[in-house]
N, C-alpha and C. Protein backbone atom coordinates (compact mmCIF):
# COMPACT_ATOMS: atom_id res chain seq x y z
N MET A 1 102.86 187.31 211.20
CA MET A 1 102.32 186.65 209.98
C MET A 1 101.22 187.31 209.43
N SER A 2 100.90 187.36 208.28
CA SER A 2 99.81 188.01 207.77
C SER A 2 98.55 187.20 207.99
N ASN A 3 97.31 187.82 207.93
CA ASN A 3 96.13 187.27 208.26
C ASN A 3 95.83 186.08 207.12
N ASN A 4 96.09 186.38 205.94
CA ASN A 4 95.77 185.35 204.87
C ASN A 4 96.71 184.05 205.16
N SER A 5 97.93 184.35 205.57
CA SER A 5 98.84 183.21 205.78
C SER A 5 98.40 182.32 206.96
N GLY A 6 97.94 182.91 207.98
CA GLY A 6 97.30 182.33 209.03
C GLY A 6 96.07 181.51 208.77
N LYS A 7 95.20 182.14 208.10
CA LYS A 7 94.02 181.40 207.67
C LYS A 7 94.43 180.25 206.67
N ALA A 8 95.42 180.31 205.83
CA ALA A 8 95.72 179.23 204.98
C ALA A 8 96.34 178.09 205.75
N ILE A 9 97.21 178.31 206.66
CA ILE A 9 97.74 177.33 207.56
C ILE A 9 96.65 176.59 208.36
N LEU A 10 95.77 177.50 208.97
CA LEU A 10 94.55 176.96 209.77
C LEU A 10 93.72 175.92 208.86
N ALA A 11 93.40 176.31 207.64
CA ALA A 11 92.78 175.61 206.73
C ALA A 11 93.45 174.34 206.21
N LEU A 12 94.62 174.40 206.12
CA LEU A 12 95.46 173.20 205.87
C LEU A 12 95.50 172.21 207.02
N LEU A 13 95.68 172.62 208.15
CA LEU A 13 95.71 171.74 209.47
C LEU A 13 94.27 171.22 209.52
N THR A 14 93.21 171.93 209.35
CA THR A 14 91.86 171.48 209.55
C THR A 14 91.70 170.42 208.45
N GLY A 15 91.96 170.70 207.33
CA GLY A 15 91.73 169.82 206.22
C GLY A 15 92.48 168.44 206.37
N ALA A 16 93.69 168.58 206.84
CA ALA A 16 94.43 167.43 207.25
C ALA A 16 93.82 166.46 208.30
N ALA A 17 93.34 167.10 209.39
CA ALA A 17 92.71 166.41 210.47
C ALA A 17 91.35 165.82 209.98
N ILE A 18 90.56 166.51 209.15
CA ILE A 18 89.22 165.91 208.63
C ILE A 18 89.55 164.91 207.76
N GLY A 19 90.56 164.97 206.93
CA GLY A 19 90.84 163.99 205.98
C GLY A 19 91.26 162.65 206.62
N ALA A 20 92.10 162.87 207.69
CA ALA A 20 92.73 161.68 208.42
C ALA A 20 91.43 160.97 209.24
N GLY A 21 90.48 161.78 209.71
CA GLY A 21 89.39 161.14 210.40
C GLY A 21 88.45 160.42 209.39
N VAL A 22 88.27 161.11 208.27
CA VAL A 22 87.43 160.42 207.20
C VAL A 22 88.13 159.21 206.72
N GLY A 23 89.43 159.18 206.55
CA GLY A 23 90.14 158.05 206.02
C GLY A 23 90.12 156.85 207.03
N ILE A 24 90.26 157.21 208.30
CA ILE A 24 90.03 156.04 209.25
C ILE A 24 88.71 155.47 209.28
N LEU A 25 87.69 156.23 209.21
CA LEU A 25 86.31 155.76 209.20
C LEU A 25 85.96 154.85 208.07
N PHE A 26 86.50 155.20 206.79
CA PHE A 26 86.16 154.46 205.54
C PHE A 26 87.38 153.81 205.17
N ALA A 27 88.40 153.42 205.84
CA ALA A 27 89.36 152.65 205.47
C ALA A 27 89.10 151.17 205.15
N PRO A 28 89.29 150.71 203.94
CA PRO A 28 89.21 149.31 203.63
C PRO A 28 90.37 148.46 204.15
N ASP A 29 91.46 149.10 204.43
CA ASP A 29 92.65 148.45 204.75
C ASP A 29 92.75 148.07 206.16
N LYS A 30 93.67 147.44 206.60
CA LYS A 30 93.93 146.96 208.04
C LYS A 30 94.27 148.12 208.75
N GLY A 31 94.41 148.11 210.12
CA GLY A 31 94.75 149.20 210.99
C GLY A 31 96.13 149.71 210.71
N SER A 32 96.99 148.66 210.49
CA SER A 32 98.48 148.88 210.42
C SER A 32 98.72 149.80 208.91
N LYS A 33 98.03 149.34 208.08
CA LYS A 33 98.21 150.06 206.72
C LYS A 33 97.52 151.50 206.85
N THR A 34 96.49 151.64 207.53
CA THR A 34 95.80 152.88 207.71
C THR A 34 96.87 153.80 208.49
N ARG A 35 97.41 153.22 209.48
CA ARG A 35 98.17 154.06 210.35
C ARG A 35 99.44 154.58 209.47
N VAL A 36 99.96 153.85 208.57
CA VAL A 36 101.00 154.17 207.77
C VAL A 36 100.58 155.23 206.79
N LYS A 37 99.40 155.17 206.37
CA LYS A 37 98.84 156.16 205.35
C LYS A 37 98.62 157.43 206.16
N ILE A 38 98.03 157.42 207.37
CA ILE A 38 97.99 158.66 208.14
C ILE A 38 99.27 159.35 208.33
N LYS A 39 100.21 158.54 208.80
CA LYS A 39 101.60 158.97 209.10
C LYS A 39 102.13 159.62 207.78
N ASP A 40 101.95 159.05 206.53
CA ASP A 40 102.51 159.71 205.39
C ASP A 40 101.64 161.10 205.08
N GLY A 41 100.40 160.98 205.50
CA GLY A 41 99.67 162.22 205.24
C GLY A 41 100.14 163.44 206.03
N TYR A 42 100.61 163.05 207.38
CA TYR A 42 101.08 164.15 208.20
C TYR A 42 102.30 164.53 207.76
N LYS A 43 103.21 163.68 207.26
CA LYS A 43 104.40 164.08 206.60
C LYS A 43 104.35 164.95 205.47
N ASP A 44 103.30 164.66 204.63
CA ASP A 44 103.08 165.62 203.44
C ASP A 44 102.52 166.95 203.91
N ALA A 45 101.65 166.84 205.04
CA ALA A 45 101.23 168.06 205.53
C ALA A 45 102.36 168.98 206.18
N GLU A 46 103.18 168.35 206.80
CA GLU A 46 104.38 169.03 207.51
C GLU A 46 105.21 169.61 206.34
N LYS A 47 105.52 168.90 205.19
CA LYS A 47 106.23 169.32 204.06
C LYS A 47 105.58 170.63 203.48
N ASP A 48 104.28 170.42 203.34
CA ASP A 48 103.61 171.72 202.89
C ASP A 48 103.61 172.93 203.78
N LEU A 49 103.47 172.66 205.10
CA LEU A 49 103.73 173.81 206.02
C LEU A 49 105.15 174.28 206.09
N ARG A 50 106.06 173.45 205.90
CA ARG A 50 107.38 174.00 205.93
C ARG A 50 107.65 174.92 204.74
N LYS A 51 107.16 174.42 203.53
CA LYS A 51 107.32 175.19 202.35
C LYS A 51 106.53 176.55 202.56
N LYS A 52 105.47 176.48 203.07
CA LYS A 52 104.65 177.85 203.24
C LYS A 52 105.41 178.69 204.27
N PHE A 53 105.89 178.35 205.28
CA PHE A 53 106.66 178.90 206.30
C PHE A 53 107.91 179.54 205.70
N ASP A 54 108.72 178.77 204.93
CA ASP A 54 109.88 179.29 204.35
C ASP A 54 109.56 180.34 203.37
N LYS A 55 108.43 180.16 202.60
CA LYS A 55 108.17 181.28 201.55
C LYS A 55 107.72 182.55 202.31
N LEU A 56 106.97 182.43 203.45
CA LEU A 56 106.57 183.50 204.30
C LEU A 56 107.81 184.18 204.75
N SER A 57 108.66 183.28 205.25
CA SER A 57 109.88 183.91 205.92
C SER A 57 110.80 184.77 204.88
N GLU A 58 110.78 184.28 203.70
CA GLU A 58 111.56 184.94 202.65
C GLU A 58 110.84 186.25 202.26
N GLU A 59 109.52 186.21 202.27
CA GLU A 59 108.83 187.43 202.01
C GLU A 59 109.03 188.51 203.08
N VAL A 60 108.96 188.02 204.28
CA VAL A 60 109.19 188.95 205.40
C VAL A 60 110.54 189.49 205.51
N LYS A 61 111.59 188.73 205.07
CA LYS A 61 112.93 189.24 204.96
C LYS A 61 113.17 190.15 203.78
N ALA A 62 112.55 189.97 202.71
CA ALA A 62 112.54 190.84 201.57
C ALA A 62 111.89 192.25 201.83
N LYS A 63 110.74 192.16 202.59
CA LYS A 63 110.09 193.37 202.95
C LYS A 63 110.95 194.24 203.94
N VAL A 64 111.54 193.55 204.96
CA VAL A 64 112.32 194.23 205.96
C VAL A 64 113.60 194.87 205.19
N SER A 65 114.13 194.01 204.32
CA SER A 65 115.24 194.61 203.57
C SER A 65 114.94 195.85 202.69
N ALA A 66 113.76 195.73 201.91
CA ALA A 66 113.33 196.86 201.24
C ALA A 66 112.97 198.05 202.11
N GLY A 67 112.40 197.74 203.20
CA GLY A 67 112.23 198.82 204.20
C GLY A 67 113.29 199.57 204.65
N LYS A 68 114.42 198.77 204.94
CA LYS A 68 115.59 199.42 205.37
C LYS A 68 116.34 200.14 204.22
N VAL A 69 116.36 199.83 203.06
CA VAL A 69 116.73 200.50 201.85
C VAL A 69 116.01 201.81 201.78
N ASP A 70 114.61 201.74 201.80
CA ASP A 70 113.84 202.88 201.82
C ASP A 70 114.17 203.91 202.94
N LEU A 71 114.29 203.35 204.15
CA LEU A 71 114.82 204.17 205.28
C LEU A 71 116.06 204.83 204.93
N GLU A 72 116.98 204.14 204.55
CA GLU A 72 118.50 204.73 204.29
C GLU A 72 118.33 205.65 203.18
N GLY A 73 117.49 205.68 202.24
CA GLY A 73 117.32 206.45 201.06
C GLY A 73 116.68 207.79 201.73
N SER A 74 115.60 207.60 202.53
CA SER A 74 114.98 208.77 203.12
C SER A 74 115.99 209.61 203.99
N TYR A 75 116.81 208.84 204.66
CA TYR A 75 117.82 209.58 205.55
C TYR A 75 118.75 210.30 204.66
N GLU A 76 119.34 209.66 203.57
CA GLU A 76 120.19 210.46 202.74
C GLU A 76 119.49 211.70 202.04
N ASP A 77 118.26 211.53 201.72
CA ASP A 77 117.51 212.65 201.21
C ASP A 77 117.33 213.76 202.16
N LEU A 78 117.10 213.40 203.33
CA LEU A 78 116.94 214.36 204.66
C LEU A 78 118.19 215.04 204.82
N LEU A 79 119.34 214.42 204.80
CA LEU A 79 120.56 215.07 204.97
C LEU A 79 120.90 216.03 203.87
N SER A 80 120.71 215.61 202.55
CA SER A 80 120.81 216.38 201.42
C SER A 80 119.98 217.60 201.51
N ASN A 81 118.68 217.48 201.83
CA ASN A 81 117.96 218.74 201.99
C ASN A 81 118.36 219.67 203.06
N MET A 82 118.91 218.96 204.24
CA MET A 82 119.26 219.86 205.24
C MET A 82 120.49 220.72 204.77
N SER A 83 121.41 220.03 204.01
CA SER A 83 122.57 220.66 203.60
C SER A 83 122.32 221.92 202.61
N TYR A 84 121.33 221.57 201.77
CA TYR A 84 120.87 222.72 200.96
C TYR A 84 120.27 223.81 201.71
N LYS A 85 119.38 223.51 202.81
CA LYS A 85 118.82 224.50 203.58
C LYS A 85 119.80 225.35 204.36
N THR A 86 120.70 224.59 204.89
CA THR A 86 121.90 225.28 205.52
C THR A 86 122.51 226.30 204.82
N GLU A 87 122.88 225.88 203.56
CA GLU A 87 123.43 226.87 202.50
C GLU A 87 122.66 227.99 202.35
N ASP A 88 121.37 227.77 202.27
CA ASP A 88 120.41 228.86 201.98
C ASP A 88 120.35 229.70 203.20
N VAL A 89 120.36 229.37 204.33
CA VAL A 89 120.31 230.10 205.57
C VAL A 89 121.72 230.92 205.64
N ILE A 90 122.70 230.20 205.46
CA ILE A 90 124.00 231.08 205.47
C ILE A 90 124.10 232.14 204.57
N SER A 91 123.67 231.84 203.28
CA SER A 91 123.56 232.97 202.30
C SER A 91 122.65 234.03 202.64
N PHE A 92 121.55 233.80 203.16
CA PHE A 92 120.56 234.74 203.64
C PHE A 92 121.23 235.55 204.86
N LEU A 93 121.83 235.01 205.78
CA LEU A 93 122.48 235.64 206.92
C LEU A 93 123.57 236.59 206.41
N GLU A 94 124.28 236.08 205.37
CA GLU A 94 125.53 236.90 204.84
C GLU A 94 125.03 238.09 204.11
N ILE A 95 123.88 237.99 203.47
CA ILE A 95 123.28 239.18 202.87
C ILE A 95 122.69 240.16 203.91
N LYS A 96 122.16 239.65 204.93
CA LYS A 96 121.50 240.59 206.04
C LYS A 96 122.79 241.27 206.65
N LEU A 97 123.82 240.47 206.80
CA LEU A 97 124.91 241.02 207.63
C LEU A 97 125.58 242.16 206.82
N SER A 98 125.73 241.76 205.48
CA SER A 98 126.30 242.90 204.58
C SER A 98 125.25 244.12 204.66
N GLU A 99 123.96 243.95 204.63
CA GLU A 99 123.12 245.12 204.72
C GLU A 99 123.23 245.94 205.95
N LEU A 100 123.39 245.19 207.04
CA LEU A 100 123.68 245.74 208.36
C LEU A 100 124.93 246.53 208.32
N LYS A 101 125.95 245.96 207.91
CA LYS A 101 127.36 246.75 207.71
C LYS A 101 127.21 247.91 206.94
N ASP A 102 126.43 247.92 205.77
CA ASP A 102 126.15 249.09 205.01
C ASP A 102 125.51 250.21 205.90
N LYS A 103 124.42 249.81 206.58
CA LYS A 103 123.56 250.80 207.31
C LYS A 103 124.51 251.36 208.46
N ASN A 104 125.24 250.59 209.00
CA ASN A 104 126.16 250.98 210.16
C ASN A 104 127.28 251.97 209.54
N ALA A 105 127.63 251.74 208.44
CA ALA A 105 128.79 252.63 207.78
C ALA A 105 128.06 253.95 207.47
N LYS A 106 126.87 253.96 207.02
CA LYS A 106 126.03 255.21 206.73
C LYS A 106 125.97 255.96 207.95
N LEU A 107 125.56 255.21 209.10
CA LEU A 107 125.26 255.91 210.41
C LEU A 107 126.58 256.48 211.01
N GLN A 108 127.81 255.83 210.82
CA GLN A 108 128.89 256.25 211.21
C GLN A 108 129.47 257.71 210.69
N LYS A 109 128.90 257.96 209.39
CA LYS A 109 129.45 259.13 208.62
C LYS A 109 128.66 260.30 209.21
């Protein structure tokens, strides 16, 4: 979880707890009505947390997926570059082999 998301969740929980405490202290209603309000407040906080968690989860999945695509692309590029380099090495070795054959033929005469 990113640092900002953790701070946001902590702030949300702290705000909910402080709000519930202040609500109880200054509640003009009966205790039963106040308890219902607190329960509703916790349900709202839970919904908010769930939404934030789901959003964060989707962001993480998207980043992992993007990272996988980037990694696959890098792997393909590496293989392609290796193939070109291999061809270059083979061509170089063929040229050197040809030169050595020519030198050997001259020495044989």
